[in-house]
């Protein structure tokens, strides 16, 4: 597997980095950076593999998603052409649910036929990227936002309906309960265009806050 160039750190904490800018807007973010440090660099490669890995990770733990992906890699089910040829039944036999197998197979077909070109997304505005991705069966806001953030380094992508993110917001803002998706959207309005940086920081806060947790556990 080719080495992925880690560029998230620069996007966050470079001279004009998004997290650096956000810390100047929000004193709670600034205090959290001083207490917990900065988030780890979790840059992911652009393209089909990252998109389906995010789909695999829907509504399951990161550890479980990693285990499924490793099984698929061992079976050679790690690119669009092979997944297209393999079919839904083979994907199910390698750890995917019926629904996720259908999603992944459908996207593989779209890529192999040229109906979907993920290589063109990086040059498009975030809202347009989200529209293209959420038009795919199996891709909702959470998946599109995570792809924008981790693969395209869109520092305003905001996966507001992520539970760990909501827990991070609860900690950051000393709330009595975990905010719901609508509240998350409203609370982050003043963070634009740095909501993606905020998301990375909130995941990091939650990971560090949990007893014996590490950022990679999120």
N, C-alpha and C. Protein backbone atom coordinates (compact mmCIF):
# COMPACT_ATOMS: atom_id res chain seq x y z
N UNK A 1 0.84 -1.19 0.00
CA UNK A 1 0.00 0.00 0.00
C UNK A 1 0.88 1.25 0.00
N UNK A 2 0.63 2.21 -0.92
CA UNK A 2 1.47 3.41 -0.97
C UNK A 2 1.35 4.24 0.29
N UNK A 3 2.44 4.91 0.64
CA UNK A 3 2.45 5.77 1.82
C UNK A 3 1.61 7.01 1.56
N UNK A 4 0.77 7.37 2.51
CA UNK A 4 -0.06 8.55 2.40
C UNK A 4 0.68 9.75 2.97
N UNK A 5 0.77 10.81 2.19
CA UNK A 5 1.42 12.02 2.69
C UNK A 5 0.55 12.66 3.77
N UNK A 6 1.12 12.82 4.95
CA UNK A 6 0.38 13.39 6.07
C UNK A 6 0.44 14.92 6.00
N UNK A 7 -0.68 15.53 5.67
CA UNK A 7 -0.72 16.98 5.48
C UNK A 7 -1.72 17.66 6.41
N UNK A 8 -2.41 16.90 7.23
CA UNK A 8 -3.43 17.48 8.10
C UNK A 8 -2.83 18.43 9.13
N UNK A 9 -1.66 18.08 9.66
CA UNK A 9 -1.02 18.93 10.66
C UNK A 9 -0.82 20.35 10.15
N UNK A 10 -0.36 20.46 8.91
CA UNK A 10 -0.13 21.79 8.34
C UNK A 10 -1.45 22.53 8.14
N UNK A 11 -2.48 21.80 7.69
CA UNK A 11 -3.79 22.43 7.50
C UNK A 11 -4.36 22.94 8.82
N UNK A 12 -4.01 22.26 9.91
CA UNK A 12 -4.52 22.65 11.22
C UNK A 12 -3.68 23.73 11.88
N UNK A 13 -2.36 23.52 11.89
CA UNK A 13 -1.50 24.34 12.75
C UNK A 13 -0.39 25.06 11.99
N UNK A 14 -0.47 25.11 10.66
CA UNK A 14 0.46 25.91 9.89
C UNK A 14 0.26 27.39 10.20
N UNK A 15 1.02 28.23 9.54
CA UNK A 15 0.97 29.67 9.84
C UNK A 15 -0.45 30.21 9.80
N UNK A 16 -1.23 29.75 8.81
CA UNK A 16 -2.62 30.19 8.70
C UNK A 16 -3.56 28.99 8.90
N UNK A 17 -3.13 28.04 9.69
CA UNK A 17 -3.88 26.81 9.89
C UNK A 17 -5.26 27.04 10.50
N UNK A 18 -6.19 26.15 10.15
CA UNK A 18 -7.58 26.33 10.56
C UNK A 18 -7.75 26.25 12.07
N UNK A 19 -7.06 25.34 12.73
CA UNK A 19 -7.21 25.23 14.18
C UNK A 19 -6.56 26.42 14.89
N UNK A 20 -5.48 26.89 14.34
CA UNK A 20 -4.83 28.08 14.90
C UNK A 20 -5.78 29.29 14.80
N UNK A 21 -6.44 29.42 13.66
CA UNK A 21 -7.40 30.52 13.47
C UNK A 21 -8.60 30.36 14.40
N UNK A 22 -9.06 29.12 14.54
CA UNK A 22 -10.22 28.86 15.38
C UNK A 22 -9.93 29.19 16.84
N UNK A 23 -8.73 28.89 17.28
CA UNK A 23 -8.35 29.17 18.67
C UNK A 23 -8.40 30.66 18.98
N UNK A 24 -8.22 31.49 17.96
CA UNK A 24 -8.30 32.94 18.16
C UNK A 24 -9.75 33.42 18.24
N UNK A 25 -10.67 32.58 17.73
CA UNK A 25 -12.09 32.93 17.76
C UNK A 25 -12.80 32.41 18.99
N UNK A 26 -12.30 31.31 19.55
CA UNK A 26 -13.00 30.64 20.64
C UNK A 26 -12.01 30.31 21.76
N UNK A 27 -12.19 30.95 22.90
CA UNK A 27 -11.23 30.76 23.99
C UNK A 27 -11.30 29.34 24.58
N UNK A 28 -12.45 28.68 24.44
CA UNK A 28 -12.55 27.30 24.92
C UNK A 28 -11.69 26.36 24.07
N UNK A 29 -11.68 26.59 22.77
CA UNK A 29 -10.81 25.81 21.88
C UNK A 29 -9.35 26.08 22.23
N UNK A 30 -9.02 27.32 22.44
CA UNK A 30 -7.64 27.69 22.80
C UNK A 30 -7.22 26.98 24.09
N UNK A 31 -8.09 26.99 25.08
CA UNK A 31 -7.79 26.34 26.36
C UNK A 31 -7.66 24.83 26.19
N UNK A 32 -8.50 24.25 25.32
CA UNK A 32 -8.45 22.80 25.09
C UNK A 32 -7.15 22.39 24.42
N UNK A 33 -6.66 23.20 23.50
CA UNK A 33 -5.37 22.90 22.85
C UNK A 33 -4.26 22.90 23.89
N UNK A 34 -4.30 23.88 24.77
CA UNK A 34 -3.27 23.94 25.83
C UNK A 34 -3.35 22.73 26.76
N UNK A 35 -4.56 22.26 27.00
CA UNK A 35 -4.73 21.14 27.94
C UNK A 35 -4.48 19.78 27.29
N UNK A 36 -5.03 19.59 26.08
CA UNK A 36 -5.01 18.26 25.46
C UNK A 36 -4.01 18.12 24.31
N UNK A 37 -3.43 19.23 23.88
CA UNK A 37 -2.58 19.18 22.70
C UNK A 37 -3.42 19.21 21.43
N UNK A 38 -2.76 19.07 20.30
CA UNK A 38 -3.46 19.11 19.01
C UNK A 38 -3.83 17.70 18.54
N UNK A 39 -4.82 17.59 17.67
CA UNK A 39 -5.25 16.27 17.19
C UNK A 39 -4.16 15.57 16.39
N UNK A 40 -4.18 14.24 16.36
CA UNK A 40 -3.22 13.50 15.53
C UNK A 40 -3.53 13.70 14.05
N UNK A 41 -2.52 13.54 13.22
CA UNK A 41 -2.71 13.65 11.77
C UNK A 41 -3.34 12.36 11.26
N UNK A 42 -4.58 12.47 10.81
CA UNK A 42 -5.31 11.29 10.32
C UNK A 42 -5.68 11.44 8.85
N UNK A 43 -4.79 12.06 8.08
CA UNK A 43 -5.00 12.21 6.65
C UNK A 43 -5.27 10.85 6.01
N UNK A 44 -6.27 10.78 5.14
CA UNK A 44 -6.57 9.57 4.38
C UNK A 44 -6.44 9.88 2.90
N UNK A 45 -6.15 8.85 2.11
CA UNK A 45 -5.97 9.03 0.67
C UNK A 45 -7.30 9.38 0.00
N UNK A 46 -7.25 10.23 -1.01
CA UNK A 46 -8.44 10.52 -1.78
C UNK A 46 -8.79 9.30 -2.63
N UNK A 47 -10.09 9.07 -2.82
CA UNK A 47 -10.49 8.02 -3.74
C UNK A 47 -11.43 6.97 -3.16
N UNK A 48 -11.65 5.96 -3.97
CA UNK A 48 -12.64 4.92 -3.69
C UNK A 48 -12.41 4.20 -2.37
N UNK A 49 -11.16 3.80 -2.11
CA UNK A 49 -10.88 3.01 -0.92
C UNK A 49 -11.28 3.74 0.35
N UNK A 50 -10.94 5.00 0.46
CA UNK A 50 -11.30 5.76 1.65
C UNK A 50 -12.80 5.90 1.77
N UNK A 51 -13.49 6.16 0.67
CA UNK A 51 -14.94 6.31 0.73
C UNK A 51 -15.61 5.04 1.24
N UNK A 52 -15.19 3.88 0.73
CA UNK A 52 -15.85 2.66 1.19
C UNK A 52 -15.44 2.31 2.62
N UNK A 53 -14.24 2.69 3.02
CA UNK A 53 -13.86 2.45 4.41
C UNK A 53 -14.73 3.27 5.36
N UNK A 54 -15.08 4.48 4.96
CA UNK A 54 -15.96 5.30 5.79
C UNK A 54 -17.36 4.68 5.84
N UNK A 55 -17.82 4.16 4.71
CA UNK A 55 -19.12 3.47 4.68
C UNK A 55 -19.10 2.25 5.59
N UNK A 56 -18.04 1.47 5.52
CA UNK A 56 -17.90 0.30 6.39
C UNK A 56 -17.98 0.72 7.86
N UNK A 57 -17.45 1.90 8.18
CA UNK A 57 -17.42 2.38 9.55
C UNK A 57 -18.72 2.98 10.06
N UNK A 58 -19.75 3.03 9.21
CA UNK A 58 -21.02 3.60 9.65
C UNK A 58 -21.61 2.78 10.80
N UNK A 59 -21.88 3.44 11.91
CA UNK A 59 -22.62 2.88 13.05
C UNK A 59 -21.94 1.67 13.71
N UNK A 60 -20.64 1.52 13.51
CA UNK A 60 -19.88 0.51 14.24
C UNK A 60 -18.61 1.16 14.77
N UNK A 61 -17.94 0.50 15.70
CA UNK A 61 -16.73 1.07 16.28
C UNK A 61 -15.61 1.09 15.24
N UNK A 62 -14.65 1.95 15.50
CA UNK A 62 -13.50 2.02 14.59
C UNK A 62 -12.74 0.70 14.57
N UNK A 63 -12.64 0.05 15.72
CA UNK A 63 -11.94 -1.24 15.79
C UNK A 63 -12.65 -2.29 14.94
N UNK A 64 -13.98 -2.33 15.02
CA UNK A 64 -14.75 -3.29 14.23
C UNK A 64 -14.60 -3.01 12.74
N UNK A 65 -14.64 -1.73 12.37
CA UNK A 65 -14.49 -1.36 10.96
C UNK A 65 -13.11 -1.75 10.44
N UNK A 66 -12.09 -1.55 11.25
CA UNK A 66 -10.73 -1.93 10.85
C UNK A 66 -10.62 -3.43 10.63
N UNK A 67 -11.27 -4.20 11.49
CA UNK A 67 -11.23 -5.66 11.35
C UNK A 67 -11.90 -6.11 10.06
N UNK A 68 -13.03 -5.50 9.73
CA UNK A 68 -13.72 -5.84 8.48
C UNK A 68 -12.85 -5.48 7.28
N UNK A 69 -12.24 -4.30 7.33
CA UNK A 69 -11.41 -3.87 6.21
C UNK A 69 -10.21 -4.78 6.02
N UNK A 70 -9.59 -5.20 7.10
CA UNK A 70 -8.45 -6.11 6.99
C UNK A 70 -8.86 -7.42 6.34
N UNK A 71 -10.04 -7.90 6.70
CA UNK A 71 -10.55 -9.13 6.09
C UNK A 71 -10.76 -8.94 4.59
N UNK A 72 -11.28 -7.79 4.20
CA UNK A 72 -11.49 -7.51 2.79
C UNK A 72 -10.17 -7.40 2.05
N UNK A 73 -9.18 -6.75 2.67
CA UNK A 73 -7.86 -6.65 2.04
C UNK A 73 -7.25 -8.02 1.81
N UNK A 74 -7.34 -8.89 2.79
CA UNK A 74 -6.79 -10.24 2.66
C UNK A 74 -7.47 -10.98 1.51
N UNK A 75 -8.76 -10.72 1.32
CA UNK A 75 -9.51 -11.36 0.24
C UNK A 75 -9.30 -10.67 -1.11
N UNK A 76 -8.51 -9.60 -1.14
CA UNK A 76 -8.26 -8.88 -2.38
C UNK A 76 -9.39 -7.95 -2.78
N UNK A 77 -10.28 -7.66 -1.84
CA UNK A 77 -11.42 -6.79 -2.13
C UNK A 77 -11.10 -5.36 -1.72
N UNK A 78 -10.10 -4.80 -2.38
CA UNK A 78 -9.63 -3.47 -1.98
C UNK A 78 -9.55 -2.48 -3.12
N UNK A 79 -10.19 -2.79 -4.25
CA UNK A 79 -10.31 -1.76 -5.29
C UNK A 79 -11.63 -1.95 -6.02
N UNK A 80 -12.04 -0.93 -6.77
CA UNK A 80 -13.37 -0.90 -7.37
C UNK A 80 -13.58 -2.04 -8.36
N UNK A 81 -12.58 -2.34 -9.17
CA UNK A 81 -12.73 -3.37 -10.18
C UNK A 81 -12.96 -4.74 -9.56
N UNK A 82 -12.15 -5.09 -8.56
CA UNK A 82 -12.29 -6.40 -7.93
C UNK A 82 -13.60 -6.52 -7.16
N UNK A 83 -14.01 -5.42 -6.53
CA UNK A 83 -15.28 -5.45 -5.80
C UNK A 83 -16.45 -5.58 -6.75
N UNK A 84 -16.38 -4.89 -7.89
CA UNK A 84 -17.43 -5.01 -8.91
C UNK A 84 -17.56 -6.45 -9.36
N UNK A 85 -16.44 -7.09 -9.65
CA UNK A 85 -16.45 -8.48 -10.13
C UNK A 85 -16.90 -9.45 -9.05
N UNK A 86 -16.59 -9.14 -7.79
CA UNK A 86 -16.87 -10.08 -6.70
C UNK A 86 -18.36 -10.21 -6.41
N UNK A 87 -19.06 -9.10 -6.42
CA UNK A 87 -20.49 -9.14 -6.15
C UNK A 87 -20.85 -9.02 -4.68
N UNK A 88 -22.13 -8.84 -4.43
CA UNK A 88 -22.63 -8.58 -3.08
C UNK A 88 -22.43 -9.77 -2.16
N UNK A 89 -22.68 -10.98 -2.65
CA UNK A 89 -22.58 -12.17 -1.80
C UNK A 89 -21.16 -12.34 -1.26
N UNK A 90 -20.17 -12.09 -2.09
CA UNK A 90 -18.77 -12.21 -1.65
C UNK A 90 -18.44 -11.15 -0.62
N UNK A 91 -18.95 -9.96 -0.80
CA UNK A 91 -18.73 -8.90 0.19
C UNK A 91 -19.35 -9.28 1.53
N UNK A 92 -20.54 -9.85 1.49
CA UNK A 92 -21.18 -10.30 2.73
C UNK A 92 -20.35 -11.39 3.41
N UNK A 93 -19.80 -12.28 2.62
CA UNK A 93 -19.00 -13.37 3.17
C UNK A 93 -17.72 -12.86 3.83
N UNK A 94 -17.36 -11.62 3.52
CA UNK A 94 -16.14 -11.05 4.09
C UNK A 94 -16.45 -9.94 5.10
N UNK A 95 -17.61 -10.02 5.72
CA UNK A 95 -17.86 -9.19 6.89
C UNK A 95 -18.84 -8.05 6.76
N UNK A 96 -19.31 -7.76 5.54
CA UNK A 96 -20.24 -6.65 5.38
C UNK A 96 -21.68 -7.12 5.57
N UNK A 97 -22.51 -6.24 6.10
CA UNK A 97 -23.94 -6.53 6.16
C UNK A 97 -24.51 -6.49 4.74
N UNK A 98 -25.71 -7.03 4.56
CA UNK A 98 -26.35 -7.00 3.25
C UNK A 98 -26.43 -5.57 2.73
N UNK A 99 -26.85 -4.66 3.58
CA UNK A 99 -27.03 -3.28 3.16
C UNK A 99 -25.70 -2.63 2.76
N UNK A 100 -24.69 -2.78 3.59
CA UNK A 100 -23.39 -2.17 3.27
C UNK A 100 -22.76 -2.83 2.05
N UNK A 101 -22.96 -4.13 1.89
CA UNK A 101 -22.44 -4.81 0.70
C UNK A 101 -23.06 -4.23 -0.56
N UNK A 102 -24.36 -3.96 -0.51
CA UNK A 102 -25.03 -3.35 -1.66
C UNK A 102 -24.51 -1.94 -1.92
N UNK A 103 -24.31 -1.17 -0.86
CA UNK A 103 -23.78 0.19 -1.02
C UNK A 103 -22.40 0.16 -1.68
N UNK A 104 -21.51 -0.64 -1.11
CA UNK A 104 -20.12 -0.69 -1.59
C UNK A 104 -20.07 -1.20 -3.02
N UNK A 105 -20.86 -2.23 -3.32
CA UNK A 105 -20.87 -2.77 -4.68
C UNK A 105 -21.40 -1.74 -5.67
N UNK A 106 -22.45 -1.02 -5.29
CA UNK A 106 -23.02 0.00 -6.17
C UNK A 106 -22.03 1.12 -6.47
N UNK A 107 -21.30 1.55 -5.47
CA UNK A 107 -20.31 2.61 -5.68
C UNK A 107 -19.15 2.09 -6.51
N UNK A 108 -18.76 0.84 -6.31
CA UNK A 108 -17.70 0.25 -7.12
C UNK A 108 -18.09 0.24 -8.60
N UNK A 109 -19.33 -0.12 -8.87
CA UNK A 109 -19.81 -0.12 -10.26
C UNK A 109 -19.77 1.29 -10.83
N UNK A 110 -20.21 2.27 -10.04
CA UNK A 110 -20.21 3.67 -10.51
C UNK A 110 -18.79 4.13 -10.85
N UNK A 111 -17.82 3.71 -10.05
CA UNK A 111 -16.43 4.10 -10.31
C UNK A 111 -15.88 3.39 -11.54
N UNK A 112 -16.12 2.10 -11.65
CA UNK A 112 -15.54 1.34 -12.78
C UNK A 112 -16.18 1.72 -14.11
N UNK A 113 -17.43 2.13 -14.10
CA UNK A 113 -18.09 2.53 -15.34
C UNK A 113 -17.83 3.98 -15.71
N UNK A 114 -17.23 4.73 -14.79
CA UNK A 114 -16.96 6.14 -15.04
C UNK A 114 -18.09 7.06 -14.66
N UNK A 115 -19.17 6.51 -14.10
CA UNK A 115 -20.28 7.36 -13.68
C UNK A 115 -19.89 8.24 -12.49
N UNK A 116 -18.90 7.80 -11.73
CA UNK A 116 -18.41 8.57 -10.59
C UNK A 116 -16.90 8.72 -10.69
N UNK A 117 -16.44 9.96 -10.70
CA UNK A 117 -15.00 10.23 -10.73
C UNK A 117 -14.61 10.98 -9.46
N UNK A 118 -14.12 10.22 -8.50
CA UNK A 118 -13.75 10.82 -7.21
C UNK A 118 -12.53 11.73 -7.31
N UNK A 119 -11.75 11.56 -8.37
CA UNK A 119 -10.54 12.37 -8.52
C UNK A 119 -10.83 13.83 -8.83
N UNK A 120 -12.05 14.13 -9.24
CA UNK A 120 -12.39 15.52 -9.60
C UNK A 120 -12.95 16.31 -8.41
N UNK A 121 -13.18 15.64 -7.29
CA UNK A 121 -13.87 16.31 -6.19
C UNK A 121 -13.04 17.40 -5.52
N UNK A 122 -11.74 17.21 -5.46
CA UNK A 122 -10.88 18.12 -4.70
C UNK A 122 -10.98 19.57 -5.18
N UNK A 123 -11.32 19.77 -6.44
CA UNK A 123 -11.37 21.12 -6.99
C UNK A 123 -12.75 21.77 -6.87
N UNK A 124 -13.69 21.07 -6.25
CA UNK A 124 -15.06 21.58 -6.17
C UNK A 124 -15.35 22.17 -4.78
N UNK A 125 -16.32 23.09 -4.69
CA UNK A 125 -16.73 23.63 -3.38
C UNK A 125 -17.30 22.52 -2.50
N UNK A 126 -17.20 22.72 -1.19
CA UNK A 126 -17.65 21.71 -0.26
C UNK A 126 -19.10 21.30 -0.44
N UNK A 127 -19.99 22.26 -0.66
CA UNK A 127 -21.41 21.95 -0.81
C UNK A 127 -21.66 21.10 -2.05
N UNK A 128 -20.92 21.38 -3.12
CA UNK A 128 -21.07 20.60 -4.34
C UNK A 128 -20.56 19.17 -4.14
N UNK A 129 -19.44 19.04 -3.43
CA UNK A 129 -18.92 17.71 -3.12
C UNK A 129 -19.94 16.92 -2.32
N UNK A 130 -20.53 17.56 -1.33
CA UNK A 130 -21.53 16.89 -0.50
C UNK A 130 -22.72 16.44 -1.34
N UNK A 131 -23.15 17.27 -2.28
CA UNK A 131 -24.29 16.91 -3.14
C UNK A 131 -23.97 15.71 -4.02
N UNK A 132 -22.76 15.68 -4.57
CA UNK A 132 -22.35 14.56 -5.41
C UNK A 132 -22.30 13.27 -4.60
N UNK A 133 -21.71 13.34 -3.43
CA UNK A 133 -21.54 12.13 -2.62
C UNK A 133 -22.86 11.64 -2.05
N UNK A 134 -23.70 12.53 -1.56
CA UNK A 134 -24.96 12.09 -0.95
C UNK A 134 -25.98 11.62 -1.99
N UNK A 135 -25.70 11.85 -3.26
CA UNK A 135 -26.55 11.29 -4.32
C UNK A 135 -26.32 9.78 -4.47
N UNK A 136 -25.21 9.28 -3.91
CA UNK A 136 -24.90 7.86 -3.97
C UNK A 136 -25.68 7.11 -2.90
N UNK A 137 -26.20 5.95 -3.25
CA UNK A 137 -26.90 5.13 -2.27
C UNK A 137 -25.92 4.70 -1.18
N UNK A 138 -26.29 4.94 0.07
CA UNK A 138 -25.43 4.56 1.18
C UNK A 138 -24.56 5.68 1.71
N UNK A 139 -24.61 6.84 1.06
CA UNK A 139 -23.80 7.98 1.51
C UNK A 139 -24.72 9.09 1.99
N UNK A 140 -24.70 9.31 3.30
CA UNK A 140 -25.45 10.41 3.90
C UNK A 140 -24.51 11.53 4.30
N UNK A 141 -25.03 12.46 5.06
CA UNK A 141 -24.23 13.62 5.46
C UNK A 141 -22.97 13.21 6.24
N UNK A 142 -23.12 12.25 7.16
CA UNK A 142 -21.98 11.83 7.99
C UNK A 142 -20.84 11.30 7.13
N UNK A 143 -21.17 10.43 6.19
CA UNK A 143 -20.14 9.85 5.32
C UNK A 143 -19.51 10.91 4.43
N UNK A 144 -20.34 11.76 3.84
CA UNK A 144 -19.82 12.81 2.96
C UNK A 144 -18.92 13.77 3.73
N UNK A 145 -19.35 14.17 4.92
CA UNK A 145 -18.56 15.10 5.72
C UNK A 145 -17.23 14.49 6.14
N UNK A 146 -17.24 13.22 6.51
CA UNK A 146 -15.99 12.57 6.90
C UNK A 146 -15.05 12.41 5.72
N UNK A 147 -15.58 12.12 4.53
CA UNK A 147 -14.72 12.04 3.35
C UNK A 147 -14.12 13.41 3.06
N UNK A 148 -14.93 14.44 3.11
CA UNK A 148 -14.42 15.79 2.87
C UNK A 148 -13.32 16.15 3.85
N UNK A 149 -13.51 15.77 5.10
CA UNK A 149 -12.56 16.16 6.14
C UNK A 149 -11.26 15.37 6.06
N UNK A 150 -11.35 14.05 6.00
CA UNK A 150 -10.14 13.23 6.11
C UNK A 150 -9.43 13.01 4.78
N UNK A 151 -10.16 12.98 3.67
CA UNK A 151 -9.52 12.75 2.37
C UNK A 151 -9.21 14.06 1.65
N UNK A 152 -10.12 15.02 1.74
CA UNK A 152 -9.95 16.28 1.01
C UNK A 152 -9.45 17.41 1.90
N UNK A 153 -9.33 17.14 3.19
CA UNK A 153 -8.86 18.15 4.16
C UNK A 153 -9.69 19.43 4.09
N UNK A 154 -11.00 19.26 3.94
CA UNK A 154 -11.92 20.39 3.94
C UNK A 154 -12.12 20.82 5.40
N UNK A 155 -11.49 21.90 5.78
CA UNK A 155 -11.49 22.32 7.17
C UNK A 155 -12.77 23.01 7.61
N UNK A 156 -13.82 22.93 6.77
CA UNK A 156 -15.13 23.40 7.21
C UNK A 156 -16.17 22.27 7.19
N UNK A 157 -15.76 21.05 6.86
CA UNK A 157 -16.69 19.91 6.91
C UNK A 157 -17.09 19.67 8.36
N UNK A 158 -18.36 19.40 8.58
CA UNK A 158 -18.87 19.36 9.96
C UNK A 158 -19.82 18.16 10.14
N UNK A 159 -19.31 17.01 10.57
CA UNK A 159 -20.14 15.81 10.78
C UNK A 159 -20.96 15.92 12.07
N UNK A 160 -21.90 16.82 12.08
CA UNK A 160 -22.63 17.23 13.28
C UNK A 160 -23.40 16.09 13.95
N UNK A 161 -23.72 15.03 13.19
CA UNK A 161 -24.51 13.94 13.77
C UNK A 161 -23.65 12.80 14.30
N UNK A 162 -22.36 13.03 14.47
CA UNK A 162 -21.45 12.02 15.02
C UNK A 162 -21.54 12.06 16.56
N UNK A 163 -21.79 10.91 17.17
CA UNK A 163 -22.00 10.88 18.62
C UNK A 163 -20.76 11.26 19.41
N UNK A 164 -19.59 10.79 18.97
CA UNK A 164 -18.35 11.15 19.68
C UNK A 164 -18.08 12.65 19.57
N UNK A 165 -18.42 13.21 18.42
CA UNK A 165 -18.26 14.66 18.24
C UNK A 165 -19.17 15.41 19.21
N UNK A 166 -20.39 14.93 19.36
CA UNK A 166 -21.32 15.55 20.29
C UNK A 166 -20.82 15.45 21.73
N UNK A 167 -20.22 14.32 22.06
CA UNK A 167 -19.65 14.17 23.40
C UNK A 167 -18.49 15.15 23.61
N UNK A 168 -17.70 15.34 22.56
CA UNK A 168 -16.61 16.31 22.64
C UNK A 168 -17.11 17.72 22.87
N UNK A 169 -18.22 18.06 22.21
CA UNK A 169 -18.82 19.38 22.40
C UNK A 169 -19.34 19.54 23.82
N UNK A 170 -19.94 18.49 24.34
CA UNK A 170 -20.43 18.53 25.72
C UNK A 170 -19.30 18.84 26.69
N UNK A 171 -18.15 18.20 26.47
CA UNK A 171 -16.99 18.43 27.34
C UNK A 171 -16.45 19.85 27.15
N UNK A 172 -16.27 20.24 25.89
CA UNK A 172 -15.67 21.55 25.60
C UNK A 172 -16.47 22.69 26.22
N UNK A 173 -17.79 22.60 26.08
CA UNK A 173 -18.65 23.71 26.50
C UNK A 173 -19.30 23.47 27.87
N UNK A 174 -18.86 22.42 28.57
CA UNK A 174 -19.37 22.12 29.92
C UNK A 174 -20.90 22.05 29.94
N UNK A 175 -21.46 21.29 29.00
CA UNK A 175 -22.91 21.15 28.91
C UNK A 175 -23.39 20.04 29.85
N UNK A 176 -24.65 20.11 30.23
CA UNK A 176 -25.22 19.09 31.11
C UNK A 176 -25.57 17.80 30.37
N UNK A 177 -25.82 17.91 29.08
CA UNK A 177 -26.17 16.74 28.29
C UNK A 177 -25.55 16.86 26.90
N UNK A 178 -25.51 15.74 26.21
CA UNK A 178 -24.93 15.73 24.87
C UNK A 178 -25.86 16.47 23.91
N UNK A 179 -25.35 17.45 23.17
CA UNK A 179 -26.20 18.19 22.24
C UNK A 179 -26.64 17.33 21.07
N UNK A 180 -27.86 17.56 20.58
CA UNK A 180 -28.34 16.81 19.43
C UNK A 180 -27.80 17.43 18.13
N UNK A 181 -28.16 16.81 17.01
CA UNK A 181 -27.60 17.23 15.73
C UNK A 181 -27.94 18.68 15.40
N UNK A 182 -29.19 19.08 15.62
CA UNK A 182 -29.59 20.45 15.31
C UNK A 182 -28.83 21.45 16.18
N UNK A 183 -28.69 21.12 17.47
CA UNK A 183 -27.94 22.00 18.37
C UNK A 183 -26.48 22.10 17.93
N UNK A 184 -25.91 20.98 17.48
CA UNK A 184 -24.53 20.99 17.01
C UNK A 184 -24.37 21.92 15.81
N UNK A 185 -25.33 21.88 14.91
CA UNK A 185 -25.27 22.77 13.75
C UNK A 185 -25.32 24.24 14.18
N UNK A 186 -26.21 24.54 15.11
CA UNK A 186 -26.35 25.92 15.58
C UNK A 186 -25.11 26.39 16.34
N UNK A 187 -24.57 25.53 17.19
CA UNK A 187 -23.42 25.92 18.01
C UNK A 187 -22.18 26.18 17.17
N UNK A 188 -22.10 25.54 16.02
CA UNK A 188 -20.89 25.66 15.20
C UNK A 188 -20.96 26.79 14.17
N UNK A 189 -22.06 27.51 14.13
CA UNK A 189 -22.20 28.55 13.11
C UNK A 189 -21.08 29.58 13.19
N UNK A 190 -20.70 29.96 14.39
CA UNK A 190 -19.65 30.98 14.55
C UNK A 190 -18.26 30.43 14.24
N UNK A 191 -18.14 29.12 14.08
CA UNK A 191 -16.83 28.51 13.79
C UNK A 191 -16.51 28.47 12.29
N UNK A 192 -17.49 28.79 11.47
CA UNK A 192 -17.21 28.77 10.03
C UNK A 192 -16.12 29.78 9.68
N UNK A 193 -15.20 29.48 8.77
CA UNK A 193 -15.06 28.27 7.95
C UNK A 193 -14.08 27.24 8.53
N UNK A 194 -14.09 27.08 9.83
CA UNK A 194 -13.12 26.18 10.49
C UNK A 194 -13.80 25.04 11.24
N UNK A 195 -15.01 24.68 10.83
CA UNK A 195 -15.74 23.64 11.56
C UNK A 195 -15.08 22.27 11.47
N UNK A 196 -14.39 22.00 10.37
CA UNK A 196 -13.67 20.73 10.27
C UNK A 196 -12.55 20.65 11.28
N UNK A 197 -11.85 21.75 11.46
CA UNK A 197 -10.80 21.79 12.48
C UNK A 197 -11.40 21.59 13.86
N UNK A 198 -12.56 22.20 14.09
CA UNK A 198 -13.25 22.02 15.37
C UNK A 198 -13.64 20.56 15.58
N UNK A 199 -14.10 19.90 14.52
CA UNK A 199 -14.48 18.49 14.63
C UNK A 199 -13.29 17.64 15.05
N UNK A 200 -12.16 17.85 14.42
CA UNK A 200 -10.95 17.09 14.76
C UNK A 200 -10.56 17.34 16.21
N UNK A 201 -10.70 18.58 16.66
CA UNK A 201 -10.35 18.90 18.05
C UNK A 201 -11.33 18.27 19.02
N UNK A 202 -12.61 18.27 18.68
CA UNK A 202 -13.61 17.69 19.57
C UNK A 202 -13.43 16.18 19.71
N UNK A 203 -13.12 15.49 18.62
CA UNK A 203 -12.83 14.05 18.71
C UNK A 203 -11.62 13.82 19.62
N UNK A 204 -10.63 14.68 19.44
CA UNK A 204 -9.40 14.56 20.24
C UNK A 204 -9.70 14.80 21.73
N UNK A 205 -10.50 15.80 22.02
CA UNK A 205 -10.87 16.08 23.40
C UNK A 205 -11.58 14.88 24.01
N UNK A 206 -12.53 14.32 23.27
CA UNK A 206 -13.29 13.18 23.78
C UNK A 206 -12.38 11.98 24.04
N UNK A 207 -11.46 11.74 23.12
CA UNK A 207 -10.53 10.62 23.28
C UNK A 207 -9.65 10.81 24.51
N UNK A 208 -9.14 12.02 24.68
CA UNK A 208 -8.26 12.29 25.81
C UNK A 208 -9.02 12.31 27.14
N UNK A 209 -10.28 12.68 27.08
CA UNK A 209 -11.09 12.76 28.29
C UNK A 209 -11.46 11.38 28.82
N UNK A 210 -11.69 10.45 27.90
CA UNK A 210 -12.02 9.09 28.32
C UNK A 210 -10.84 8.45 29.04
N UNK A 211 -11.11 7.72 30.07
CA UNK A 211 -10.05 7.07 30.84
C UNK A 211 -9.27 6.10 29.96
N UNK A 212 -7.95 6.28 29.96
CA UNK A 212 -7.03 5.41 29.22
C UNK A 212 -7.31 5.40 27.72
N UNK A 213 -7.95 6.45 27.20
CA UNK A 213 -8.25 6.48 25.77
C UNK A 213 -7.13 7.13 25.00
N UNK A 214 -7.06 6.84 23.71
CA UNK A 214 -6.11 7.50 22.83
C UNK A 214 -6.90 8.06 21.65
N UNK A 215 -6.38 9.07 20.95
CA UNK A 215 -7.09 9.64 19.81
C UNK A 215 -7.44 8.60 18.76
N UNK A 216 -6.60 7.58 18.60
CA UNK A 216 -6.84 6.57 17.57
C UNK A 216 -8.05 5.71 17.88
N UNK A 217 -8.56 5.78 19.11
CA UNK A 217 -9.70 4.95 19.49
C UNK A 217 -11.03 5.52 19.03
N UNK A 218 -11.01 6.75 18.55
CA UNK A 218 -12.26 7.38 18.12
C UNK A 218 -12.64 6.87 16.74
